């Protein structure tokens, strides 16, 4: 099995600087979506992995446009939540 990864950011992207939905839309613009669709259509699997850190409660807003773009190219969405101590 071959594993292909694309790094979209070089480090932490603060929610104060860009909203999660906007970040996903920008990231999708940078990906080779046609090639990804071909990989998925040939039996491969592709997902968008997003790591989210917060020391408090976190609300993520995903736009229907971004989710639709991922789905139309056969991409799933995985979220990795991590942060500080719980209550």
N, C-alpha and C. Protein backbone atom coordinates (compact mmCIF):
# COMPACT_ATOMS: atom_id res chain seq x y z
N UNK A 1 0.84 -1.17 0.00
CA UNK A 1 0.00 0.00 0.00
C UNK A 1 0.90 1.24 0.00
N UNK A 2 0.53 2.23 -0.76
CA UNK A 2 1.25 3.49 -0.84
C UNK A 2 0.49 4.55 -0.05
N UNK A 3 1.23 5.32 0.72
CA UNK A 3 0.64 6.40 1.51
C UNK A 3 1.17 7.72 0.98
N UNK A 4 0.28 8.61 0.62
CA UNK A 4 0.65 9.93 0.12
C UNK A 4 0.07 10.98 1.05
N UNK A 5 0.89 11.95 1.46
CA UNK A 5 0.43 13.01 2.35
C UNK A 5 0.75 14.37 1.76
N UNK A 6 -0.07 15.34 2.07
CA UNK A 6 0.16 16.72 1.67
C UNK A 6 0.10 17.59 2.92
N UNK A 7 1.15 18.34 3.19
CA UNK A 7 1.15 19.26 4.33
C UNK A 7 0.63 20.61 3.85
N UNK A 8 -0.38 21.11 4.51
CA UNK A 8 -1.02 22.37 4.09
C UNK A 8 -0.44 23.56 4.85
N UNK A 9 -0.05 23.36 6.10
CA UNK A 9 0.53 24.47 6.86
C UNK A 9 1.88 24.04 7.42
N UNK A 10 2.72 25.00 7.72
CA UNK A 10 4.04 24.71 8.28
C UNK A 10 4.03 24.69 9.80
N UNK A 11 2.89 24.87 10.38
CA UNK A 11 2.81 24.89 11.83
C UNK A 11 1.40 25.22 12.29
N UNK A 12 1.32 25.84 13.43
CA UNK A 12 0.03 26.15 14.04
C UNK A 12 -0.64 27.30 13.30
N UNK A 13 -1.92 27.13 13.03
CA UNK A 13 -2.74 28.20 12.46
C UNK A 13 -3.75 28.58 13.53
N UNK A 14 -3.68 29.79 14.00
CA UNK A 14 -4.55 30.23 15.10
C UNK A 14 -5.95 30.53 14.59
N UNK A 15 -6.95 30.11 15.36
CA UNK A 15 -8.34 30.38 15.01
C UNK A 15 -8.63 31.88 15.00
N UNK A 16 -7.84 32.66 15.73
CA UNK A 16 -7.99 34.12 15.70
C UNK A 16 -7.57 34.70 14.36
N UNK A 17 -6.69 33.97 13.65
CA UNK A 17 -6.18 34.44 12.35
C UNK A 17 -7.05 33.98 11.18
N UNK A 18 -7.57 32.77 11.28
CA UNK A 18 -8.39 32.22 10.19
C UNK A 18 -9.38 31.21 10.77
N UNK A 19 -10.61 31.24 10.31
CA UNK A 19 -11.63 30.29 10.77
C UNK A 19 -11.37 28.92 10.15
N UNK A 20 -11.76 27.86 10.84
CA UNK A 20 -11.52 26.50 10.37
C UNK A 20 -12.11 26.29 8.98
N UNK A 21 -13.34 26.72 8.75
CA UNK A 21 -13.99 26.52 7.44
C UNK A 21 -13.21 27.23 6.34
N UNK A 22 -12.71 28.44 6.61
CA UNK A 22 -11.93 29.17 5.62
C UNK A 22 -10.59 28.48 5.36
N UNK A 23 -9.98 27.94 6.42
CA UNK A 23 -8.72 27.22 6.26
C UNK A 23 -8.91 26.00 5.37
N UNK A 24 -9.99 25.26 5.59
CA UNK A 24 -10.26 24.08 4.76
C UNK A 24 -10.46 24.48 3.31
N UNK A 25 -11.23 25.52 3.06
CA UNK A 25 -11.45 25.97 1.68
C UNK A 25 -10.13 26.36 1.00
N UNK A 26 -9.27 27.08 1.71
CA UNK A 26 -7.97 27.47 1.17
C UNK A 26 -7.10 26.24 0.92
N UNK A 27 -7.13 25.30 1.86
CA UNK A 27 -6.34 24.08 1.71
C UNK A 27 -6.79 23.27 0.51
N UNK A 28 -8.10 23.17 0.31
CA UNK A 28 -8.61 22.42 -0.84
C UNK A 28 -8.16 23.05 -2.15
N UNK A 29 -8.05 24.38 -2.18
CA UNK A 29 -7.56 25.06 -3.38
C UNK A 29 -6.12 24.66 -3.71
N UNK A 30 -5.34 24.27 -2.68
CA UNK A 30 -3.93 23.94 -2.87
C UNK A 30 -3.71 22.46 -3.21
N UNK A 31 -4.73 21.64 -3.08
CA UNK A 31 -4.57 20.20 -3.32
C UNK A 31 -4.85 19.82 -4.77
N UNK A 32 -4.19 18.76 -5.25
CA UNK A 32 -4.46 18.26 -6.61
C UNK A 32 -5.73 17.39 -6.61
N UNK A 33 -6.88 18.04 -6.58
CA UNK A 33 -8.15 17.33 -6.37
C UNK A 33 -8.46 16.33 -7.47
N UNK A 34 -8.10 16.61 -8.71
CA UNK A 34 -8.36 15.66 -9.80
C UNK A 34 -7.55 14.38 -9.57
N UNK A 35 -6.28 14.51 -9.19
CA UNK A 35 -5.45 13.34 -8.92
C UNK A 35 -5.99 12.56 -7.72
N UNK A 36 -6.45 13.27 -6.70
CA UNK A 36 -7.02 12.61 -5.52
C UNK A 36 -8.26 11.81 -5.92
N UNK A 37 -9.11 12.39 -6.74
CA UNK A 37 -10.32 11.69 -7.20
C UNK A 37 -9.94 10.43 -7.98
N UNK A 38 -8.89 10.50 -8.81
CA UNK A 38 -8.44 9.33 -9.57
C UNK A 38 -7.94 8.23 -8.63
N UNK A 39 -7.23 8.62 -7.58
CA UNK A 39 -6.76 7.64 -6.60
C UNK A 39 -7.94 6.96 -5.92
N UNK A 40 -8.92 7.74 -5.49
CA UNK A 40 -10.10 7.19 -4.82
C UNK A 40 -10.89 6.30 -5.77
N UNK A 41 -11.06 6.74 -7.01
CA UNK A 41 -11.82 5.96 -7.99
C UNK A 41 -11.13 4.63 -8.32
N UNK A 42 -9.81 4.55 -8.12
CA UNK A 42 -9.09 3.31 -8.41
C UNK A 42 -9.01 2.39 -7.20
N UNK A 43 -9.73 2.74 -6.12
CA UNK A 43 -9.77 1.89 -4.93
C UNK A 43 -8.99 2.44 -3.75
N UNK A 44 -8.38 3.60 -3.93
CA UNK A 44 -7.63 4.21 -2.84
C UNK A 44 -8.55 4.91 -1.84
N UNK A 45 -7.97 5.37 -0.77
CA UNK A 45 -8.71 6.07 0.27
C UNK A 45 -8.03 7.42 0.52
N UNK A 46 -8.83 8.44 0.69
CA UNK A 46 -8.28 9.77 0.97
C UNK A 46 -9.13 10.43 2.04
N UNK A 47 -8.46 11.10 2.97
CA UNK A 47 -9.17 11.87 3.97
C UNK A 47 -8.39 13.14 4.28
N UNK A 48 -9.10 14.13 4.73
CA UNK A 48 -8.52 15.40 5.17
C UNK A 48 -8.41 15.30 6.68
N UNK A 49 -7.18 15.31 7.20
CA UNK A 49 -6.95 15.22 8.64
C UNK A 49 -6.69 16.62 9.18
N UNK A 50 -7.47 17.01 10.16
CA UNK A 50 -7.35 18.33 10.76
C UNK A 50 -7.14 18.17 12.26
N UNK A 51 -5.99 18.65 12.76
CA UNK A 51 -5.71 18.62 14.18
C UNK A 51 -6.20 19.90 14.83
N UNK A 52 -6.94 19.77 15.90
CA UNK A 52 -7.52 20.92 16.60
C UNK A 52 -7.11 20.90 18.06
N UNK A 53 -6.47 21.97 18.51
CA UNK A 53 -6.03 22.09 19.90
C UNK A 53 -6.81 23.20 20.58
N UNK A 54 -7.23 22.93 21.80
CA UNK A 54 -7.89 23.97 22.60
C UNK A 54 -7.78 23.60 24.07
N UNK A 55 -7.55 24.60 24.89
CA UNK A 55 -7.55 24.38 26.34
C UNK A 55 -8.95 24.51 26.91
N UNK A 56 -9.92 24.95 26.09
CA UNK A 56 -11.30 25.14 26.52
C UNK A 56 -12.24 24.45 25.53
N UNK A 57 -13.53 24.68 25.70
CA UNK A 57 -14.49 24.16 24.74
C UNK A 57 -14.17 24.71 23.36
N UNK A 58 -14.50 23.95 22.34
CA UNK A 58 -14.19 24.35 20.97
C UNK A 58 -15.38 24.06 20.08
N UNK A 59 -15.81 25.06 19.34
CA UNK A 59 -16.89 24.90 18.37
C UNK A 59 -16.28 25.05 16.98
N UNK A 60 -16.46 24.04 16.15
CA UNK A 60 -15.94 24.08 14.78
C UNK A 60 -17.10 24.22 13.83
N UNK A 61 -16.97 25.16 12.93
CA UNK A 61 -18.00 25.42 11.92
C UNK A 61 -17.45 24.97 10.57
N UNK A 62 -18.08 23.97 9.97
CA UNK A 62 -17.67 23.47 8.66
C UNK A 62 -18.70 23.90 7.64
N UNK A 63 -18.25 24.55 6.59
CA UNK A 63 -19.18 25.03 5.57
C UNK A 63 -19.68 23.87 4.71
N UNK A 64 -20.90 23.97 4.26
CA UNK A 64 -21.45 22.96 3.36
C UNK A 64 -20.65 22.92 2.06
N UNK A 65 -20.15 24.07 1.64
CA UNK A 65 -19.34 24.13 0.42
C UNK A 65 -18.07 23.31 0.56
N UNK A 66 -17.36 23.51 1.66
CA UNK A 66 -16.12 22.76 1.88
C UNK A 66 -16.36 21.27 2.00
N UNK A 67 -17.37 20.89 2.77
CA UNK A 67 -17.69 19.46 2.93
C UNK A 67 -18.12 18.85 1.60
N UNK A 68 -18.88 19.59 0.82
CA UNK A 68 -19.31 19.11 -0.49
C UNK A 68 -18.13 18.94 -1.43
N UNK A 69 -17.18 19.88 -1.39
CA UNK A 69 -15.99 19.77 -2.24
C UNK A 69 -15.19 18.52 -1.88
N UNK A 70 -15.03 18.26 -0.59
CA UNK A 70 -14.31 17.05 -0.18
C UNK A 70 -15.05 15.80 -0.66
N UNK A 71 -16.34 15.75 -0.42
CA UNK A 71 -17.13 14.58 -0.80
C UNK A 71 -17.13 14.35 -2.30
N UNK A 72 -17.19 15.42 -3.09
CA UNK A 72 -17.24 15.25 -4.54
C UNK A 72 -15.94 14.69 -5.10
N UNK A 73 -14.86 14.76 -4.34
CA UNK A 73 -13.59 14.19 -4.76
C UNK A 73 -13.27 12.91 -3.98
N UNK A 74 -14.26 12.40 -3.26
CA UNK A 74 -14.10 11.14 -2.55
C UNK A 74 -13.32 11.24 -1.25
N UNK A 75 -13.18 12.44 -0.73
CA UNK A 75 -12.40 12.64 0.49
C UNK A 75 -13.29 12.58 1.73
N UNK A 76 -12.78 11.91 2.76
CA UNK A 76 -13.43 11.92 4.05
C UNK A 76 -12.81 13.01 4.92
N UNK A 77 -13.31 13.16 6.13
CA UNK A 77 -12.80 14.15 7.08
C UNK A 77 -12.51 13.47 8.40
N UNK A 78 -11.30 13.64 8.92
CA UNK A 78 -10.92 13.13 10.24
C UNK A 78 -10.48 14.32 11.08
N UNK A 79 -10.97 14.35 12.31
CA UNK A 79 -10.63 15.42 13.24
C UNK A 79 -9.86 14.84 14.41
N UNK A 80 -8.74 15.46 14.75
CA UNK A 80 -7.93 15.06 15.89
C UNK A 80 -8.00 16.18 16.92
N UNK A 81 -8.82 15.97 17.96
CA UNK A 81 -8.99 16.96 19.02
C UNK A 81 -8.01 16.66 20.15
N UNK A 82 -7.29 17.66 20.60
CA UNK A 82 -6.42 17.50 21.75
C UNK A 82 -6.29 18.84 22.46
N UNK A 83 -5.92 18.77 23.73
CA UNK A 83 -5.83 20.02 24.47
C UNK A 83 -5.42 19.80 25.90
N UNK A 84 -5.77 20.77 26.73
CA UNK A 84 -5.38 20.77 28.13
C UNK A 84 -6.23 19.85 28.98
N UNK A 85 -6.05 19.99 30.26
CA UNK A 85 -6.77 19.17 31.23
C UNK A 85 -8.27 19.41 31.16
N UNK A 86 -9.04 18.36 31.37
CA UNK A 86 -10.49 18.47 31.42
C UNK A 86 -10.95 19.08 32.73
N UNK A 87 -12.26 19.39 32.84
CA UNK A 87 -12.78 20.00 34.08
C UNK A 87 -12.72 19.05 35.26
